[in-house]
Protein backbone atom coordinates (compact mmCIF):
# COMPACT_ATOMS: atom_id res chain seq x y z
CA MET A 1 -23.67 -8.39 -2.21
CA LEU A 2 -20.73 -8.80 -4.12
CA ASP A 3 -19.88 -5.88 -6.67
CA PRO A 4 -21.09 -7.53 -10.04
CA GLN A 5 -18.00 -6.20 -11.86
CA ALA A 6 -15.80 -7.75 -9.42
CA LYS A 7 -17.56 -11.03 -9.68
CA ALA A 8 -16.92 -10.68 -13.46
CA TYR A 9 -13.36 -10.39 -13.11
CA LEU A 10 -12.66 -13.14 -10.54
CA ASP A 11 -15.06 -15.53 -13.22
CA LEU A 12 -12.84 -14.14 -16.09
CA LEU A 13 -9.76 -15.44 -14.26
CA ALA A 14 -11.24 -18.68 -13.69
CA THR A 15 -12.32 -19.00 -17.35
CA ILE A 16 -8.78 -18.33 -18.56
CA GLY A 17 -7.15 -20.90 -16.22
CA ALA A 18 -4.95 -18.49 -14.36
CA PRO A 19 -2.90 -20.71 -11.89
CA PRO A 20 -3.23 -19.64 -8.25
CA LEU A 21 -0.20 -17.71 -7.25
CA HIS A 22 0.37 -20.24 -4.38
CA SER A 23 1.04 -23.01 -6.65
CA LEU A 24 4.48 -21.11 -8.33
CA GLN A 25 7.72 -20.04 -7.44
CA ALA A 26 8.08 -16.52 -6.23
CA PRO A 27 9.57 -15.69 -9.81
CA GLN A 28 6.79 -16.98 -11.97
CA ALA A 29 4.06 -15.79 -9.53
CA ARG A 30 5.73 -12.26 -10.12
CA LEU A 31 4.69 -12.58 -13.80
CA ALA A 32 1.33 -13.86 -13.18
CA TYR A 33 0.45 -11.20 -11.20
CA LYS A 34 1.77 -8.69 -13.89
CA LYS A 35 -0.42 -10.58 -16.41
CA ALA A 36 -3.49 -10.40 -13.98
CA ARG A 37 -2.95 -6.55 -13.47
CA ALA A 38 -2.85 -6.22 -17.10
CA LEU A 39 -6.15 -7.48 -17.85
CA ALA A 40 -7.43 -5.12 -15.45
CA GLN A 41 -5.91 -1.74 -15.43
CA PRO A 42 -6.40 1.00 -18.10
CA GLU A 43 -3.95 2.82 -19.90
CA PRO A 44 -1.94 4.79 -17.31
CA PRO A 45 -3.20 8.38 -16.99
CA GLN A 46 -1.09 11.48 -18.02
CA VAL A 47 0.90 13.00 -15.35
CA ALA A 48 3.15 16.13 -15.96
CA ARG A 49 6.35 14.24 -15.29
CA VAL A 50 7.81 10.48 -14.19
CA GLU A 51 11.01 10.14 -13.10
CA ALA A 52 13.22 7.14 -11.92
CA LEU A 53 15.92 7.83 -9.39
CA ALA A 54 17.29 5.69 -6.15
CA ALA A 55 17.49 6.49 -2.72
CA THR A 56 20.55 5.06 -0.37
CA GLY A 57 19.41 1.94 1.20
CA PRO A 58 21.02 -0.53 3.66
CA ALA A 59 21.84 -2.92 0.97
CA GLY A 60 22.48 -0.43 -1.70
CA PRO A 61 20.20 1.72 -3.79
CA ILE A 62 16.54 1.63 -3.52
CA PRO A 63 14.58 2.45 -6.82
CA LEU A 64 12.08 5.07 -7.12
CA ARG A 65 9.52 6.43 -9.02
CA THR A 66 8.53 9.92 -8.75
CA TYR A 67 5.19 11.44 -10.35
CA ARG A 68 4.51 15.14 -10.40
CA PRO A 69 0.67 15.79 -11.09
CA LEU A 70 -0.94 17.41 -14.27
CA ASP A 71 -1.09 20.86 -13.26
CA SER A 72 2.28 21.26 -11.05
CA ARG A 73 5.00 23.92 -12.32
CA ASP A 74 8.77 22.88 -12.19
CA GLY A 75 10.26 23.38 -9.10
CA GLU A 76 7.03 23.71 -6.90
CA ALA A 77 7.31 22.38 -3.40
CA LEU A 78 4.77 20.24 -3.51
CA PRO A 79 3.28 17.79 -0.71
CA VAL A 80 4.24 13.82 -1.46
CA LEU A 81 3.16 10.50 -0.98
CA VAL A 82 5.51 7.88 -0.55
CA PHE A 83 3.81 5.07 -1.73
CA MET A 84 4.61 1.04 -0.95
CA HIS A 85 2.97 -1.19 -3.45
CA GLY A 86 1.10 -4.45 -2.34
CA GLY A 87 1.82 -8.08 -3.26
CA GLY A 88 2.52 -10.04 0.05
CA TRP A 89 6.15 -8.50 -0.06
CA THR A 90 6.58 -11.13 -2.70
CA ILE A 91 5.33 -10.29 -5.78
CA GLY A 92 4.34 -6.54 -7.19
CA ASP A 93 6.70 -3.74 -8.06
CA LEU A 94 6.58 -0.16 -9.53
CA ASP A 95 4.93 -1.20 -12.61
CA THR A 96 1.91 -3.14 -11.16
CA HIS A 97 1.20 -0.26 -9.25
CA ASP A 98 1.93 2.71 -11.74
CA VAL A 99 -1.77 3.41 -12.47
CA PRO A 100 -2.91 4.14 -8.44
CA CYS A 101 0.21 6.18 -8.08
CA ARG A 102 -0.92 8.38 -11.11
CA GLU A 103 -4.46 8.67 -10.31
CA ILE A 104 -3.75 9.13 -6.76
CA CYS A 105 -0.92 12.07 -7.93
CA ASN A 106 -3.45 13.75 -10.26
CA ARG A 107 -6.35 13.71 -8.04
CA ALA A 108 -4.59 14.75 -4.56
CA ARG A 109 -2.18 17.22 -6.41
CA CYS A 110 0.95 15.96 -4.67
CA ALA A 111 3.76 14.07 -5.90
CA VAL A 112 3.88 10.62 -5.30
CA ILE A 113 7.24 8.44 -5.04
CA SER A 114 7.06 4.82 -5.13
CA ILE A 115 9.51 2.75 -3.40
CA ASP A 116 10.63 -0.60 -5.21
CA TYR A 117 11.90 -2.32 -1.96
CA ARG A 118 13.32 -5.54 -1.66
CA LEU A 119 11.27 -8.62 -2.30
CA ALA A 120 10.81 -11.91 -0.38
CA PRO A 121 11.86 -14.98 -0.18
CA GLU A 122 15.36 -13.64 -1.46
CA HIS A 123 14.97 -10.96 0.91
CA ARG A 124 13.15 -11.70 4.30
CA PHE A 125 11.77 -9.59 6.90
CA PRO A 126 12.39 -6.89 7.75
CA ALA A 127 14.31 -6.19 4.84
CA ALA A 128 11.51 -4.57 3.28
CA VAL A 129 10.75 -2.53 6.51
CA GLU A 130 14.55 -1.34 6.39
CA ASP A 131 14.07 -0.27 2.51
CA THR A 132 10.93 1.81 3.44
CA ILE A 133 12.30 3.56 6.42
CA ALA A 134 15.46 4.44 4.54
CA ALA A 135 13.55 5.58 1.37
CA VAL A 136 11.69 8.18 3.47
CA ARG A 137 14.35 9.39 5.40
CA TRP A 138 16.14 9.65 1.87
CA ILE A 139 13.46 11.66 0.36
CA ALA A 140 13.11 14.13 3.38
CA ALA A 141 16.63 14.69 3.60
CA ASN A 142 16.53 15.43 -0.15
CA ALA A 143 13.39 17.17 -0.27
CA ALA A 144 14.92 20.73 -1.75
CA ARG A 145 16.45 18.31 -4.84
CA LEU A 146 12.88 16.91 -5.33
CA SER A 147 11.15 19.82 -5.19
CA ILE A 148 8.69 18.21 -2.35
CA ASP A 149 7.77 19.90 1.15
CA ALA A 150 9.38 18.06 3.58
CA ARG A 151 6.73 19.54 6.20
CA ARG A 152 4.14 17.58 4.33
CA ILE A 153 5.14 14.07 3.94
CA ALA A 154 2.67 10.91 3.79
CA VAL A 155 3.16 7.42 3.61
CA GLY A 156 0.67 4.89 2.09
CA GLY A 157 0.23 1.65 0.35
CA ASP A 158 -2.14 -1.07 -0.24
CA SER A 159 -2.00 -4.98 1.41
CA ALA A 160 1.55 -5.57 2.39
CA GLY A 161 2.58 -2.00 1.20
CA GLY A 162 -0.43 -0.78 3.83
CA ASN A 163 1.43 -2.74 6.24
CA LEU A 164 5.02 -1.13 5.36
CA ALA A 165 3.19 2.26 5.80
CA ALA A 166 1.63 1.59 9.19
CA VAL A 167 5.16 0.18 10.27
CA ALA A 168 7.11 3.27 9.11
CA ALA A 169 4.71 5.75 11.11
CA LEU A 170 5.51 3.92 14.17
CA THR A 171 9.25 3.66 13.48
CA LEU A 172 9.53 6.91 12.48
CA ARG A 173 7.61 8.04 15.51
CA ASP A 174 9.94 6.66 17.90
CA GLY A 175 13.27 7.19 15.70
CA GLY A 176 13.34 10.54 15.18
CA GLY A 177 11.10 11.30 12.04
CA PRO A 178 10.53 12.92 9.80
CA PRO A 179 6.72 13.81 11.01
CA LEU A 180 4.18 12.47 8.94
CA ALA A 181 1.29 14.52 8.02
CA VAL A 182 -0.72 11.38 7.34
CA GLN A 183 -0.88 7.32 6.86
CA LEU A 184 -2.86 5.85 3.89
CA LEU A 185 -3.37 2.21 4.80
CA ILE A 186 -5.11 0.73 2.16
CA TYR A 187 -6.80 -2.62 3.26
CA PRO A 188 -3.53 -3.12 5.18
CA ALA A 189 -2.09 -6.50 6.78
CA THR A 190 -1.76 -5.55 10.04
CA ASP A 191 -1.65 -8.98 12.22
CA PHE A 192 0.20 -12.16 10.93
CA ARG A 193 -2.13 -13.80 13.23
CA ALA A 194 -4.48 -13.78 11.09
CA ASN A 195 -7.46 -14.99 13.23
CA THR A 196 -10.05 -12.60 12.45
CA PRO A 197 -13.58 -14.01 11.32
CA SER A 198 -13.07 -12.57 7.83
CA HIS A 199 -10.28 -14.47 7.28
CA ALA A 200 -12.78 -17.65 7.62
CA GLN A 201 -15.44 -15.89 5.67
CA ASN A 202 -13.41 -14.59 2.92
CA GLY A 203 -10.73 -17.18 2.79
CA SER A 204 -12.02 -18.73 -0.44
CA GLY A 205 -13.36 -17.35 -3.31
CA TYR A 206 -12.69 -13.67 -3.45
CA LEU A 207 -8.84 -13.50 -4.95
CA LEU A 208 -6.70 -13.37 -1.89
CA THR A 209 -7.09 -16.81 -0.60
CA ARG A 210 -6.01 -18.70 2.77
CA GLU A 211 -3.48 -20.45 0.74
CA ALA A 212 -2.30 -17.48 -0.67
CA ILE A 213 -1.79 -15.85 2.74
CA ASP A 214 -0.05 -18.60 3.66
CA TYR A 215 2.07 -18.67 0.70
CA PHE A 216 2.82 -15.10 1.35
CA THR A 217 3.70 -15.29 5.06
CA ASN A 218 6.04 -18.55 4.66
CA SER A 219 7.74 -16.22 1.76
CA TYR A 220 8.40 -12.98 3.79
CA LEU A 221 8.69 -14.37 7.30
CA ASN A 222 11.58 -16.06 8.73
CA GLY A 223 9.59 -18.33 10.97
CA PRO A 224 6.82 -18.45 13.42
CA GLY A 225 8.99 -16.26 15.84
CA ASP A 226 8.49 -13.26 13.68
CA ILE A 227 4.40 -12.88 14.12
CA ALA A 228 4.98 -11.24 17.28
CA ASP A 229 7.39 -8.51 15.92
CA TRP A 230 5.30 -5.52 15.45
CA ARG A 231 7.66 -4.50 12.50
CA ALA A 232 5.99 -7.63 10.97
CA SER A 233 2.04 -7.13 12.75
CA PRO A 234 2.07 -3.65 13.35
CA ALA A 235 -1.29 -4.41 15.57
CA LEU A 236 0.94 -5.75 18.52
CA ALA A 237 2.76 -2.32 18.68
CA GLN A 238 2.97 -1.32 22.47
CA SER A 239 1.48 2.09 21.81
CA PHE A 240 -0.43 3.80 19.29
CA ARG A 241 -0.23 7.29 21.17
CA GLY A 242 1.57 9.88 18.95
CA LEU A 243 0.98 8.89 15.55
CA PRO A 244 -0.12 10.99 12.46
CA PRO A 245 -3.72 11.00 11.33
CA ALA A 246 -5.00 7.50 9.69
CA PHE A 247 -7.21 7.07 6.35
CA VAL A 248 -8.26 3.37 6.56
CA LEU A 249 -9.81 1.46 3.81
CA THR A 250 -11.01 -1.94 3.66
CA ALA A 251 -13.02 -4.42 1.56
CA GLY A 252 -16.21 -6.30 2.54
CA TYR A 253 -14.82 -9.64 0.85
CA ASP A 254 -11.32 -9.43 1.82
CA PRO A 255 -9.80 -11.80 4.38
CA LEU A 256 -7.76 -8.76 5.84
CA ARG A 257 -11.25 -6.89 6.06
CA ASP A 258 -11.25 -7.19 9.92
CA GLU A 259 -7.75 -6.59 10.74
CA GLY A 260 -7.96 -3.32 9.12
CA ALA A 261 -10.81 -2.08 10.91
CA GLN A 262 -9.49 -3.15 14.20
CA TYR A 263 -6.20 -1.46 13.81
CA ALA A 264 -8.46 1.83 12.90
CA GLN A 265 -9.81 1.37 16.38
CA LEU A 266 -6.78 0.63 17.98
CA LEU A 267 -5.67 4.24 16.65
CA ARG A 268 -8.78 5.71 17.41
CA GLU A 269 -8.62 4.37 20.84
CA ALA A 270 -5.29 6.04 21.18
CA GLY A 271 -6.37 9.25 20.69
CA VAL A 272 -5.51 9.19 16.95
CA ALA A 273 -7.43 10.82 14.25
CA VAL A 274 -8.85 8.15 11.89
CA GLU A 275 -11.05 8.04 8.89
CA TYR A 276 -12.34 4.57 7.98
CA VAL A 277 -14.15 3.35 5.03
CA CYS A 278 -15.23 -0.27 4.34
CA PHE A 279 -15.81 -0.95 0.36
CA GLU A 280 -18.69 -3.66 1.49
CA ALA A 281 -18.85 -5.00 -1.97
CA GLN A 282 -15.52 -5.15 -3.13
CA ILE A 283 -12.93 -7.66 -3.10
CA HIS A 284 -9.01 -7.51 -1.86
CA GLY A 285 -6.64 -5.62 -4.75
CA PHE A 286 -9.54 -3.72 -6.28
CA ILE A 287 -7.95 -0.44 -6.51
CA THR A 288 -5.59 -2.01 -9.07
CA MET A 289 -8.62 -3.06 -11.21
CA SER A 290 -9.67 0.29 -12.16
CA LYS A 291 -10.19 -1.18 -16.10
CA VAL A 292 -13.02 -3.32 -14.60
CA ILE A 293 -14.08 -2.07 -11.17
CA ASP A 294 -15.67 1.26 -11.09
CA ALA A 295 -15.42 1.48 -7.42
CA ALA A 296 -11.48 1.56 -7.85
CA GLY A 297 -12.11 5.32 -9.13
CA VAL A 298 -14.20 6.30 -5.93
CA ALA A 299 -11.53 4.84 -3.75
CA PHE A 300 -8.74 6.94 -5.66
CA GLU A 301 -10.93 9.85 -5.00
CA ARG A 302 -11.39 8.86 -1.11
CA CYS A 303 -7.61 8.83 -0.78
CA ALA A 304 -7.02 11.70 -2.30
CA GLY A 305 -9.67 13.44 -0.35
CA ALA A 306 -8.03 12.45 2.73
CA LEU A 307 -4.56 13.26 1.56
CA ARG A 308 -6.00 16.86 0.49
CA ARG A 309 -6.93 17.59 3.75
CA ALA A 310 -3.91 16.18 5.84
CA PHE A 311 -1.82 18.42 3.45
CA GLY A 312 -3.72 21.46 3.87
CA ASP A 313 -3.16 24.78 1.94
CA GLY A 314 -1.12 24.03 -1.26
CA ALA A 315 -2.70 21.05 -2.01
CA ARG A 316 -6.21 21.94 -3.93
């Protein structure tokens, strides 16, 4: 059954008459998304330090936000999660995912560096991919300056961010690194063909609708020819061998549930160590709703545990 807290949030959105995102132009959709997040997110938990900086990117500086956990020491070389926010490659930013980054930072006792990659439709595929890869490589190259351990780098993200993390893992495997400790894929979008049963079962009534998926697809991709490009649909990559271990989290009432599960299976069949969990009663996006959905805290802890195990010694 659908989590009563998730249902209450969906009912709240219906009561206040929030316009569907697919009915808005991108700038207005971004504002609406921020307002919805404000309803569902608590006050940001305290961390030791938050800092804004920028990586060198293919189209100019890429804004980053770094987080250090509460009990960390200045200059301590921490493991790091490079995090890409969700939002259909079209909405979302460093602020909409500030709370999840802080939660994971403290719970995993690692640094988190969140990437403000270029958004569509102003910057279509593969701009977000290019920014993600450039930022990960810049972070690894500047590990000493950032007080992070270049031997313990993870990539992760939710939804579109999970897509970018999966694509980054594939790209870095084939393109000289840096090597990754783990990929953290939170209800990731992995296949733009969108033809799994969960797309039909959950495409209406559970926040992420079929219309919204079409909206984001048309915003991000240049056309149907991009669907088969593995940099857009990582599930269509030729090989998954040699990829870093993965933690894959899905939600039962999410159109993306099945493609996340299938991606986990593709990794397993290629010999990649995979931990998979489905929050059966949850909707897409629930980790950004921890003010109103208690299961978000459980999900944060599961993600943090996967990171702690992957990072090993030094990550308590």
